[in-house]
N, C-alpha and C. Protein backbone atom coordinates (compact mmCIF):
# COMPACT_ATOMS: atom_id res chain seq x y z
N UNK A 1 30.96 -8.82 26.80
CA UNK A 1 31.23 -9.98 25.98
C UNK A 1 31.15 -11.25 26.83
N UNK A 2 30.47 -12.24 26.32
CA UNK A 2 30.38 -13.52 27.00
C UNK A 2 31.50 -14.44 26.57
N UNK A 3 31.71 -15.45 27.36
CA UNK A 3 32.72 -16.44 27.00
C UNK A 3 32.22 -17.29 25.84
N UNK A 4 33.12 -17.63 24.95
CA UNK A 4 32.77 -18.49 23.82
C UNK A 4 32.71 -19.93 24.29
N UNK A 5 31.73 -20.65 23.82
CA UNK A 5 31.63 -22.08 24.11
C UNK A 5 32.59 -22.82 23.20
N UNK A 6 33.24 -23.83 23.70
CA UNK A 6 34.15 -24.60 22.83
C UNK A 6 33.36 -25.30 21.73
N UNK A 7 34.02 -25.53 20.63
CA UNK A 7 33.40 -26.19 19.47
C UNK A 7 33.58 -27.70 19.55
N UNK A 8 33.86 -28.21 20.76
CA UNK A 8 34.10 -29.64 20.93
C UNK A 8 33.56 -30.06 22.30
N UNK A 9 33.38 -31.36 22.44
CA UNK A 9 32.95 -31.91 23.72
C UNK A 9 33.39 -33.37 23.79
N UNK A 10 33.37 -33.89 25.01
CA UNK A 10 33.72 -35.29 25.22
C UNK A 10 32.87 -35.82 26.36
N UNK A 11 32.36 -37.02 26.16
CA UNK A 11 31.66 -37.74 27.23
C UNK A 11 32.32 -39.09 27.38
N UNK A 12 32.41 -39.55 28.62
CA UNK A 12 32.93 -40.89 28.83
C UNK A 12 31.95 -41.67 29.68
N UNK A 13 31.91 -42.97 29.43
CA UNK A 13 31.01 -43.86 30.16
C UNK A 13 31.56 -45.27 30.06
N UNK A 14 30.93 -46.19 30.77
CA UNK A 14 31.30 -47.59 30.70
C UNK A 14 30.11 -48.36 30.16
N UNK A 15 30.36 -49.26 29.24
CA UNK A 15 29.32 -50.16 28.72
C UNK A 15 29.97 -51.52 28.50
N UNK A 16 29.39 -52.54 29.06
CA UNK A 16 29.89 -53.92 28.92
C UNK A 16 31.39 -54.02 29.24
N UNK A 17 31.83 -53.28 30.24
CA UNK A 17 33.22 -53.36 30.66
C UNK A 17 34.20 -52.51 29.87
N UNK A 18 33.74 -51.84 28.83
CA UNK A 18 34.62 -50.99 28.01
C UNK A 18 34.44 -49.53 28.40
N UNK A 19 35.53 -48.79 28.34
CA UNK A 19 35.44 -47.33 28.51
C UNK A 19 35.08 -46.76 27.15
N UNK A 20 33.98 -46.04 27.10
CA UNK A 20 33.52 -45.42 25.87
C UNK A 20 33.84 -43.94 25.94
N UNK A 21 34.57 -43.45 24.95
CA UNK A 21 34.89 -42.03 24.86
C UNK A 21 34.18 -41.50 23.62
N UNK A 22 33.18 -40.66 23.84
CA UNK A 22 32.44 -40.06 22.73
C UNK A 22 33.02 -38.67 22.48
N UNK A 23 33.53 -38.44 21.28
CA UNK A 23 34.03 -37.13 20.90
C UNK A 23 32.98 -36.43 20.04
N UNK A 24 32.86 -35.12 20.22
CA UNK A 24 31.87 -34.34 19.48
C UNK A 24 32.50 -33.04 19.00
N UNK A 25 32.11 -32.61 17.81
CA UNK A 25 32.51 -31.31 17.30
C UNK A 25 33.85 -31.34 16.59
N UNK A 26 34.56 -30.23 16.73
CA UNK A 26 35.83 -30.02 16.03
C UNK A 26 36.99 -30.48 16.91
N UNK A 27 37.64 -31.54 16.48
CA UNK A 27 38.77 -32.07 17.25
C UNK A 27 40.04 -31.54 16.60
N UNK A 28 40.45 -30.38 17.08
CA UNK A 28 41.60 -29.66 16.54
C UNK A 28 42.61 -29.43 17.65
N UNK A 29 43.53 -28.49 17.47
CA UNK A 29 44.59 -28.28 18.45
C UNK A 29 44.04 -27.84 19.81
N UNK A 30 43.03 -27.00 19.83
CA UNK A 30 42.44 -26.57 21.10
C UNK A 30 41.78 -27.75 21.80
N UNK A 31 41.03 -28.55 21.04
CA UNK A 31 40.38 -29.72 21.63
C UNK A 31 41.42 -30.70 22.16
N UNK A 32 42.48 -30.91 21.40
CA UNK A 32 43.53 -31.84 21.83
C UNK A 32 44.18 -31.37 23.12
N UNK A 33 44.40 -30.07 23.25
CA UNK A 33 45.00 -29.53 24.47
C UNK A 33 44.07 -29.69 25.67
N UNK A 34 42.79 -29.50 25.45
CA UNK A 34 41.82 -29.58 26.55
C UNK A 34 41.43 -31.02 26.87
N UNK A 35 41.21 -31.83 25.84
CA UNK A 35 40.72 -33.19 26.04
C UNK A 35 41.84 -34.21 26.22
N UNK A 36 43.02 -33.90 25.73
CA UNK A 36 44.14 -34.83 25.82
C UNK A 36 44.39 -35.35 27.22
N UNK A 37 44.47 -34.49 28.24
CA UNK A 37 44.69 -34.99 29.60
C UNK A 37 43.57 -35.91 30.09
N UNK A 38 42.34 -35.64 29.70
CA UNK A 38 41.22 -36.52 30.09
C UNK A 38 41.34 -37.87 29.42
N UNK A 39 41.67 -37.87 28.13
CA UNK A 39 41.84 -39.14 27.41
C UNK A 39 43.04 -39.90 27.98
N UNK A 40 44.12 -39.18 28.27
CA UNK A 40 45.30 -39.82 28.87
C UNK A 40 44.93 -40.50 30.19
N UNK A 41 44.16 -39.83 31.01
CA UNK A 41 43.75 -40.38 32.29
C UNK A 41 42.94 -41.66 32.11
N UNK A 42 42.06 -41.66 31.14
CA UNK A 42 41.21 -42.84 30.90
C UNK A 42 42.02 -44.00 30.33
N UNK A 43 43.07 -43.70 29.57
CA UNK A 43 43.85 -44.77 28.94
C UNK A 43 45.04 -45.20 29.80
N UNK A 44 45.20 -44.65 31.00
CA UNK A 44 46.26 -45.05 31.91
C UNK A 44 45.95 -46.36 32.61
N UNK A 45 44.70 -46.74 32.62
CA UNK A 45 44.30 -47.95 33.34
C UNK A 45 44.93 -49.18 32.69
N UNK A 46 45.22 -50.16 33.49
CA UNK A 46 45.83 -51.37 32.98
C UNK A 46 44.82 -52.20 32.20
N UNK A 47 45.27 -52.72 31.11
CA UNK A 47 44.50 -53.66 30.28
C UNK A 47 43.05 -53.22 30.06
N UNK A 48 42.88 -52.02 29.60
CA UNK A 48 41.54 -51.49 29.37
C UNK A 48 41.04 -51.81 27.97
N UNK A 49 39.74 -51.84 27.85
CA UNK A 49 39.06 -51.95 26.57
C UNK A 49 38.47 -50.57 26.32
N UNK A 50 38.94 -49.88 25.29
CA UNK A 50 38.53 -48.51 25.01
C UNK A 50 37.89 -48.44 23.63
N UNK A 51 36.77 -47.74 23.57
CA UNK A 51 36.11 -47.46 22.30
C UNK A 51 36.03 -45.95 22.18
N UNK A 52 36.57 -45.40 21.08
CA UNK A 52 36.45 -43.97 20.82
C UNK A 52 35.43 -43.80 19.70
N UNK A 53 34.34 -43.15 20.04
CA UNK A 53 33.22 -42.97 19.12
C UNK A 53 33.40 -41.63 18.39
N UNK A 54 33.62 -41.72 17.08
CA UNK A 54 33.86 -40.53 16.26
C UNK A 54 32.61 -40.04 15.52
N UNK A 55 31.46 -40.65 15.78
CA UNK A 55 30.26 -40.29 15.03
C UNK A 55 29.84 -38.84 15.22
N UNK A 56 30.17 -38.23 16.34
CA UNK A 56 29.80 -36.84 16.59
C UNK A 56 30.85 -35.83 16.16
N UNK A 57 31.94 -36.30 15.58
CA UNK A 57 33.04 -35.41 15.18
C UNK A 57 32.73 -34.79 13.82
N UNK A 58 32.86 -33.47 13.74
CA UNK A 58 32.61 -32.76 12.49
C UNK A 58 33.88 -32.34 11.78
N UNK A 59 35.01 -32.34 12.50
CA UNK A 59 36.29 -31.90 11.94
C UNK A 59 37.40 -32.58 12.72
N UNK A 60 38.42 -33.05 12.00
CA UNK A 60 39.57 -33.68 12.63
C UNK A 60 40.82 -33.20 11.90
N UNK A 61 41.76 -32.61 12.64
CA UNK A 61 43.01 -32.19 12.01
C UNK A 61 44.17 -33.01 12.59
N UNK A 62 45.39 -32.60 12.31
CA UNK A 62 46.57 -33.34 12.75
C UNK A 62 46.62 -33.46 14.27
N UNK A 63 46.17 -32.45 14.98
CA UNK A 63 46.18 -32.52 16.44
C UNK A 63 45.18 -33.55 16.94
N UNK A 64 44.02 -33.61 16.31
CA UNK A 64 43.03 -34.63 16.66
C UNK A 64 43.55 -36.02 16.35
N UNK A 65 44.24 -36.14 15.24
CA UNK A 65 44.84 -37.41 14.88
C UNK A 65 45.90 -37.82 15.91
N UNK A 66 46.67 -36.85 16.36
CA UNK A 66 47.68 -37.11 17.40
C UNK A 66 47.03 -37.61 18.69
N UNK A 67 45.87 -37.05 19.04
CA UNK A 67 45.13 -37.50 20.21
C UNK A 67 44.74 -38.97 20.08
N UNK A 68 44.25 -39.36 18.91
CA UNK A 68 43.85 -40.75 18.67
C UNK A 68 45.06 -41.69 18.70
N UNK A 69 46.14 -41.27 18.08
CA UNK A 69 47.35 -42.11 18.05
C UNK A 69 47.95 -42.29 19.44
N UNK A 70 47.94 -41.22 20.23
CA UNK A 70 48.46 -41.32 21.60
C UNK A 70 47.60 -42.27 22.43
N UNK A 71 46.28 -42.17 22.28
CA UNK A 71 45.38 -43.06 23.00
C UNK A 71 45.66 -44.51 22.60
N UNK A 72 45.83 -44.75 21.31
CA UNK A 72 46.10 -46.10 20.83
C UNK A 72 47.38 -46.65 21.46
N UNK A 73 48.45 -45.86 21.44
CA UNK A 73 49.72 -46.32 21.98
C UNK A 73 49.62 -46.61 23.47
N UNK A 74 48.92 -45.79 24.22
CA UNK A 74 48.78 -45.98 25.67
C UNK A 74 48.00 -47.25 25.98
N UNK A 75 46.93 -47.47 25.24
CA UNK A 75 46.10 -48.66 25.46
C UNK A 75 46.88 -49.92 25.10
N UNK A 76 47.51 -49.92 23.94
CA UNK A 76 48.26 -51.10 23.50
C UNK A 76 49.44 -51.41 24.42
N UNK A 77 50.09 -50.38 24.94
CA UNK A 77 51.23 -50.58 25.85
C UNK A 77 50.81 -51.29 27.13
N UNK A 78 49.53 -51.19 27.48
CA UNK A 78 49.02 -51.84 28.69
C UNK A 78 48.30 -53.15 28.38
N UNK A 79 48.43 -53.61 27.14
CA UNK A 79 47.80 -54.87 26.77
C UNK A 79 46.30 -54.76 26.55
N UNK A 80 45.82 -53.55 26.36
CA UNK A 80 44.39 -53.33 26.16
C UNK A 80 43.99 -53.38 24.70
N UNK A 81 42.77 -52.97 24.46
CA UNK A 81 42.23 -52.97 23.10
C UNK A 81 41.54 -51.63 22.87
N UNK A 82 41.80 -51.04 21.70
CA UNK A 82 41.17 -49.77 21.33
C UNK A 82 40.47 -49.95 19.99
N UNK A 83 39.23 -49.48 19.93
CA UNK A 83 38.47 -49.50 18.68
C UNK A 83 37.93 -48.10 18.43
N UNK A 84 37.82 -47.77 17.16
CA UNK A 84 37.20 -46.51 16.74
C UNK A 84 35.87 -46.82 16.10
N UNK A 85 34.84 -46.05 16.46
CA UNK A 85 33.57 -46.13 15.74
C UNK A 85 33.66 -45.09 14.63
N UNK A 86 33.51 -45.58 13.40
CA UNK A 86 33.67 -44.75 12.22
C UNK A 86 32.72 -43.55 12.26
N UNK A 87 33.26 -42.39 11.93
CA UNK A 87 32.47 -41.17 11.88
C UNK A 87 32.15 -40.78 10.46
N UNK A 88 31.91 -39.51 10.28
CA UNK A 88 31.57 -38.97 8.95
C UNK A 88 32.70 -39.25 7.97
N UNK A 89 32.37 -39.49 6.71
CA UNK A 89 33.42 -39.79 5.71
C UNK A 89 34.51 -38.73 5.64
N UNK A 90 34.16 -37.45 5.72
CA UNK A 90 35.19 -36.41 5.61
C UNK A 90 36.13 -36.42 6.82
N UNK A 91 35.63 -36.87 7.96
CA UNK A 91 36.47 -36.98 9.15
C UNK A 91 37.35 -38.21 9.05
N UNK A 92 36.77 -39.32 8.66
CA UNK A 92 37.53 -40.56 8.60
C UNK A 92 38.56 -40.53 7.48
N UNK A 93 38.34 -39.70 6.48
CA UNK A 93 39.29 -39.56 5.37
C UNK A 93 40.66 -39.13 5.88
N UNK A 94 40.70 -38.37 6.96
CA UNK A 94 41.98 -37.93 7.53
C UNK A 94 42.82 -39.15 7.93
N UNK A 95 42.20 -40.15 8.52
CA UNK A 95 42.93 -41.36 8.90
C UNK A 95 43.42 -42.12 7.67
N UNK A 96 42.58 -42.17 6.66
CA UNK A 96 42.94 -42.90 5.44
C UNK A 96 44.06 -42.19 4.69
N UNK A 97 43.94 -40.88 4.49
CA UNK A 97 44.93 -40.11 3.73
C UNK A 97 46.29 -40.11 4.41
N UNK A 98 46.30 -40.09 5.73
CA UNK A 98 47.57 -40.07 6.46
C UNK A 98 48.17 -41.46 6.61
N UNK A 99 47.43 -42.48 6.21
CA UNK A 99 47.95 -43.84 6.24
C UNK A 99 47.90 -44.53 7.59
N UNK A 100 47.17 -43.99 8.54
CA UNK A 100 47.12 -44.61 9.87
C UNK A 100 45.86 -45.45 10.09
N UNK A 101 44.96 -45.45 9.15
CA UNK A 101 43.70 -46.19 9.30
C UNK A 101 43.97 -47.65 9.66
N UNK A 102 44.95 -48.27 9.01
CA UNK A 102 45.26 -49.68 9.25
C UNK A 102 45.78 -49.97 10.65
N UNK A 103 46.21 -48.96 11.37
CA UNK A 103 46.70 -49.14 12.73
C UNK A 103 45.60 -49.17 13.77
N UNK A 104 44.36 -48.99 13.34
CA UNK A 104 43.21 -48.98 14.25
C UNK A 104 42.26 -50.10 13.90
N UNK A 105 41.59 -50.62 14.90
CA UNK A 105 40.44 -51.49 14.67
C UNK A 105 39.24 -50.57 14.54
N UNK A 106 38.59 -50.62 13.39
CA UNK A 106 37.49 -49.70 13.11
C UNK A 106 36.20 -50.49 13.00
N UNK A 107 35.17 -50.01 13.67
CA UNK A 107 33.85 -50.62 13.60
C UNK A 107 32.88 -49.58 13.04
N UNK A 108 31.86 -50.07 12.34
CA UNK A 108 30.90 -49.16 11.73
C UNK A 108 29.77 -48.75 12.65
N UNK A 109 29.59 -49.48 13.72
CA UNK A 109 28.52 -49.16 14.65
C UNK A 109 29.01 -49.33 16.07
N UNK A 110 28.21 -48.89 16.98
CA UNK A 110 28.57 -48.98 18.38
C UNK A 110 28.55 -50.43 18.82
N UNK A 111 29.67 -50.96 19.31
CA UNK A 111 29.78 -52.39 19.58
C UNK A 111 29.03 -52.91 20.80
N UNK A 112 28.48 -52.03 21.62
CA UNK A 112 27.84 -52.48 22.85
C UNK A 112 26.40 -52.02 22.97
N UNK A 113 25.68 -52.01 21.90
CA UNK A 113 24.29 -51.59 22.00
C UNK A 113 24.18 -50.09 22.06
N UNK A 114 23.14 -49.62 22.69
CA UNK A 114 22.86 -48.20 22.75
C UNK A 114 23.87 -47.43 23.59
N UNK A 115 24.30 -46.29 23.08
CA UNK A 115 25.17 -45.42 23.88
C UNK A 115 24.35 -44.95 25.07
N UNK A 116 24.98 -44.93 26.22
CA UNK A 116 24.29 -44.49 27.41
C UNK A 116 24.02 -45.63 28.37
N UNK A 117 24.12 -46.87 27.90
CA UNK A 117 23.96 -48.01 28.79
C UNK A 117 25.21 -48.10 29.64
N UNK A 118 25.09 -48.70 30.76
CA UNK A 118 26.25 -48.86 31.61
C UNK A 118 26.24 -47.81 32.70
N UNK A 119 27.41 -47.52 33.24
CA UNK A 119 27.50 -46.58 34.35
C UNK A 119 28.55 -45.54 34.10
N UNK A 120 29.06 -45.00 35.17
CA UNK A 120 30.11 -44.01 35.02
C UNK A 120 31.45 -44.71 34.89
N UNK A 121 32.44 -43.94 34.50
CA UNK A 121 33.77 -44.50 34.33
C UNK A 121 34.34 -44.83 35.70
N UNK A 122 34.88 -46.04 35.88
CA UNK A 122 35.43 -46.42 37.18
C UNK A 122 36.67 -45.61 37.52
N UNK A 123 36.87 -45.37 38.79
CA UNK A 123 38.04 -44.60 39.26
C UNK A 123 39.27 -45.45 39.26
């Protein structure tokens, strides 16, 4: 038996001074446990500008929502700014139904041009 590949992924990069976190696949309890420490590390920086791109997300549950809320709180506590790039309607519905959509700045497209521009995430 081979190891199962996770149903989620995350890429991070810098574009125009913002940390871009691209989430892909199913953002559920397993994804939150695996990706949470990486997101926490990226949002620990002082006064960061963070964009979380949800366009590649196919599923979001309460654990995924908790990941987004924790990222928001960490960024805001440091005087930073967090934006979400709107994903699929069924994924974004979770934010709307739970009433947290208004707590996020939501953009319909990638705010810094093409994904992939920029460099690696600064240490």
